[in-house]
């Protein structure tokens, strides 16, 4: 049996120069893609947070109708009491059974949902101090606009308008087409 001699010249691979060129090209492509990837992450974070808010609003409205009692959603930094007014901050919110309809989460009142602080340094503000739903599902006197902002400002902010009927709807950019969504009165929203 004859053995075949393996020549050292038949082994193939990458040279150091070829490897360096590949790394440089990969670095350039990565540098071009990271800014758009960061934008996508921020957009997804805002969308997730506004969806959580709408879910809480819908829960409050549905529970008010189902239980035939007032249900309130308010800003909370502790998870068991309301802040009072709803300033622009990264505080979370609570949904609770407001049996005495005073907008204050008393010790005897059941807390239905707690949402903690907003991630990413995002802020949420509301034009009123709370949203209270009556047993008919109305938010009369508590209608307004929730504005959710991140570090990119007004042009990327999201807003939800709560009507007197209690329905929450996504705010859109109106006829002025300036890429800034508008509140329930048709005015551009503003971030802090």
Protein backbone atom coordinates (compact mmCIF):
# COMPACT_ATOMS: atom_id res chain seq x y z
CA UNK A 1 0.00 0.00 0.00
CA UNK A 2 1.31 3.32 -1.07
CA UNK A 3 0.91 6.39 1.16
CA UNK A 4 0.25 9.69 -0.37
CA UNK A 5 2.41 12.51 0.80
CA UNK A 6 0.52 15.65 1.84
CA UNK A 7 2.05 18.80 0.58
CA UNK A 8 2.13 21.84 2.82
CA UNK A 9 1.01 24.00 -0.12
CA UNK A 10 -2.42 22.29 -0.31
CA UNK A 11 -3.62 23.72 3.05
CA UNK A 12 -5.75 26.80 2.43
CA UNK A 13 -7.00 29.52 4.80
CA UNK A 14 -7.24 33.24 5.29
CA UNK A 15 -4.26 35.48 5.32
CA UNK A 16 -3.93 38.11 8.01
CA UNK A 17 -4.64 40.85 5.46
CA UNK A 18 -7.86 39.16 4.31
CA UNK A 19 -9.00 38.78 7.93
CA UNK A 20 -8.26 42.44 8.71
CA UNK A 21 -10.20 43.62 5.62
CA UNK A 22 -13.18 41.48 6.66
CA UNK A 23 -13.12 42.93 10.19
CA UNK A 24 -12.95 46.52 8.84
CA UNK A 25 -15.91 45.92 6.50
CA UNK A 26 -17.91 44.32 9.33
CA UNK A 27 -17.08 47.29 11.58
CA UNK A 28 -18.27 49.78 8.96
CA UNK A 29 -21.54 47.89 8.44
CA UNK A 30 -22.08 47.65 12.19
CA UNK A 31 -21.41 51.38 12.67
CA UNK A 32 -23.99 52.20 10.00
CA UNK A 33 -26.61 49.88 11.54
CA UNK A 34 -26.33 50.77 15.25
CA UNK A 35 -28.09 54.19 15.10
CA UNK A 36 -31.13 52.72 13.36
CA UNK A 37 -31.09 49.80 15.79
CA UNK A 38 -31.13 52.26 18.72
CA UNK A 39 -34.08 54.09 17.13
CA UNK A 40 -35.91 50.79 16.78
CA UNK A 41 -35.30 49.94 20.44
CA UNK A 42 -36.61 53.35 21.58
CA UNK A 43 -39.66 53.07 19.32
CA UNK A 44 -40.45 49.59 20.66
CA UNK A 45 -40.02 50.77 24.24
CA UNK A 46 -42.47 53.68 23.73
CA UNK A 47 -44.98 51.41 21.99
CA UNK A 48 -44.79 48.84 24.79
CA UNK A 49 -45.27 51.49 27.47
CA UNK A 50 -48.24 53.13 25.76
CA UNK A 51 -49.81 49.69 25.24
CA UNK A 52 -49.44 48.97 28.97
CA UNK A 53 -51.15 52.27 29.75
CA UNK A 54 -54.04 51.54 27.37
CA UNK A 55 -54.40 48.08 28.89
CA UNK A 56 -54.70 49.66 32.35
CA UNK A 57 -57.25 52.21 31.09
CA UNK A 58 -59.32 49.45 29.49
CA UNK A 59 -59.09 47.37 32.67
CA UNK A 60 -60.30 50.31 34.76
CA UNK A 61 -63.23 50.99 32.45
CA UNK A 62 -64.26 47.35 32.19
CA UNK A 63 -64.01 46.77 35.94
CA UNK A 64 -66.10 49.90 36.63
CA UNK A 65 -68.86 48.56 34.40
CA UNK A 66 -68.57 44.99 35.68
CA UNK A 67 -68.48 45.90 39.39
CA UNK A 68 -70.85 48.92 39.15
CA UNK A 69 -68.42 51.06 41.15
CA UNK A 70 -65.98 53.85 40.39
CA UNK A 71 -62.52 52.72 39.31
CA UNK A 72 -59.64 55.19 39.25
CA UNK A 73 -56.22 55.20 37.63
CA UNK A 74 -53.66 57.64 39.01
CA UNK A 75 -49.92 58.24 39.02
CA UNK A 76 -48.12 56.47 41.84
CA UNK A 77 -44.52 56.33 42.98
CA UNK A 78 -45.19 53.87 45.81
CA UNK A 79 -47.60 51.38 44.23
CA UNK A 80 -50.26 51.93 46.90
CA UNK A 81 -51.11 55.66 46.85
CA UNK A 82 -51.66 58.45 44.33
CA UNK A 83 -49.18 61.26 43.74
CA UNK A 84 -51.93 63.91 43.47
CA UNK A 85 -51.48 65.80 40.24
CA UNK A 86 -49.98 63.95 37.27
CA UNK A 87 -46.72 65.75 36.50
CA UNK A 88 -44.36 64.59 33.79
CA UNK A 89 -42.25 61.93 35.47
CA UNK A 90 -41.20 58.32 35.12
CA UNK A 91 -43.51 57.25 37.98
CA UNK A 92 -45.82 54.35 37.37
CA UNK A 93 -49.56 54.19 38.04
CA UNK A 94 -52.15 52.21 39.95
CA UNK A 95 -55.69 51.12 39.14
CA UNK A 96 -57.94 50.83 42.19
CA UNK A 97 -61.57 50.49 43.28
CA UNK A 98 -62.50 54.02 44.34
CA UNK A 99 -65.57 53.28 46.49
CA UNK A 100 -65.79 56.81 47.93
CA UNK A 101 -64.92 58.47 44.56
CA UNK A 102 -62.33 60.79 46.09
CA UNK A 103 -59.44 59.83 43.79
CA UNK A 104 -57.35 58.67 46.74
CA UNK A 105 -56.38 55.03 47.19
CA UNK A 106 -57.55 54.46 50.76
CA UNK A 107 -56.30 51.48 52.76
CA UNK A 108 -59.70 49.78 52.52
CA UNK A 109 -59.89 50.12 48.71
CA UNK A 110 -58.73 47.28 46.51
CA UNK A 111 -55.79 47.91 44.17
CA UNK A 112 -56.37 46.06 40.91
CA UNK A 113 -53.12 46.75 39.06
CA UNK A 114 -49.76 48.33 39.83
CA UNK A 115 -47.38 49.46 37.11
CA UNK A 116 -43.89 50.45 38.21
CA UNK A 117 -41.61 53.20 36.97
CA UNK A 118 -41.08 53.68 33.26
CA UNK A 119 -37.84 52.33 31.80
CA UNK A 120 -35.41 54.20 29.63
CA UNK A 121 -35.84 57.58 31.32
CA UNK A 122 -39.20 57.99 29.57
CA UNK A 123 -41.81 60.30 31.08
CA UNK A 124 -45.59 60.18 31.22
CA UNK A 125 -47.80 63.17 31.90
CA UNK A 126 -51.56 63.66 31.92
CA UNK A 127 -53.59 66.83 31.65
CA UNK A 128 -55.63 65.87 34.75
CA UNK A 129 -54.68 64.36 38.10
CA UNK A 130 -56.45 61.04 37.47
CA UNK A 131 -58.94 59.14 35.33
CA UNK A 132 -62.02 57.92 37.17
CA UNK A 133 -64.52 55.68 35.45
CA UNK A 134 -68.15 55.57 36.59
CA UNK A 135 -70.25 52.43 36.70
CA UNK A 136 -71.45 53.28 33.17
CA UNK A 137 -67.85 53.39 31.90
CA UNK A 138 -67.74 57.17 31.46
CA UNK A 139 -64.73 59.31 32.36
CA UNK A 140 -66.74 62.55 32.45
CA UNK A 141 -64.66 65.37 33.89
CA UNK A 142 -61.49 63.30 33.64
CA UNK A 143 -61.01 63.37 29.88
CA UNK A 144 -57.61 64.49 28.66
CA UNK A 145 -54.42 63.44 26.92
CA UNK A 146 -51.66 61.16 28.17
CA UNK A 147 -48.28 62.10 26.67
CA UNK A 148 -45.41 59.60 26.70
CA UNK A 149 -41.98 61.02 25.83
CA UNK A 150 -38.41 59.83 25.55
CA UNK A 151 -35.14 61.71 25.04
CA UNK A 152 -35.95 62.38 21.36
CA UNK A 153 -38.67 64.93 22.20
CA UNK A 154 -41.98 65.92 20.62
CA UNK A 155 -41.50 64.42 17.16
CA UNK A 156 -41.25 60.86 18.53
CA UNK A 157 -43.69 61.15 21.45
CA UNK A 158 -46.84 59.07 21.68
CA UNK A 159 -50.18 60.20 23.07
CA UNK A 160 -53.49 58.64 24.10
CA UNK A 161 -56.64 60.75 24.29
CA UNK A 162 -59.28 59.74 26.86
CA UNK A 163 -62.74 61.02 25.91
CA UNK A 164 -65.70 61.77 28.20
CA UNK A 165 -67.18 58.46 27.11
CA UNK A 166 -64.13 56.78 28.65
CA UNK A 167 -62.69 55.49 25.42
CA UNK A 168 -58.92 55.79 24.92
CA UNK A 169 -57.72 56.41 21.38
CA UNK A 170 -54.30 56.82 19.81
CA UNK A 171 -53.45 60.41 19.00
CA UNK A 172 -52.30 61.19 15.47
CA UNK A 173 -50.70 64.07 13.62
CA UNK A 174 -53.49 66.24 12.27
CA UNK A 175 -53.86 68.34 9.16
CA UNK A 176 -50.67 70.34 9.79
CA UNK A 177 -48.57 67.20 9.05
CA UNK A 178 -45.63 68.40 11.16
CA UNK A 179 -44.87 64.89 12.53
CA UNK A 180 -45.99 65.89 16.06
CA UNK A 181 -49.13 64.15 17.35
CA UNK A 182 -51.92 66.28 18.74
CA UNK A 183 -53.97 66.27 21.93
CA UNK A 184 -57.76 65.97 22.08
CA UNK A 185 -58.14 69.69 21.25
CA UNK A 186 -55.99 69.52 18.13
CA UNK A 187 -52.92 71.21 19.65
CA UNK A 188 -49.44 69.75 19.27
CA UNK A 189 -48.33 67.81 22.33
CA UNK A 190 -45.23 68.93 24.19
CA UNK A 191 -42.62 66.92 26.02
CA UNK A 192 -41.01 68.26 29.20
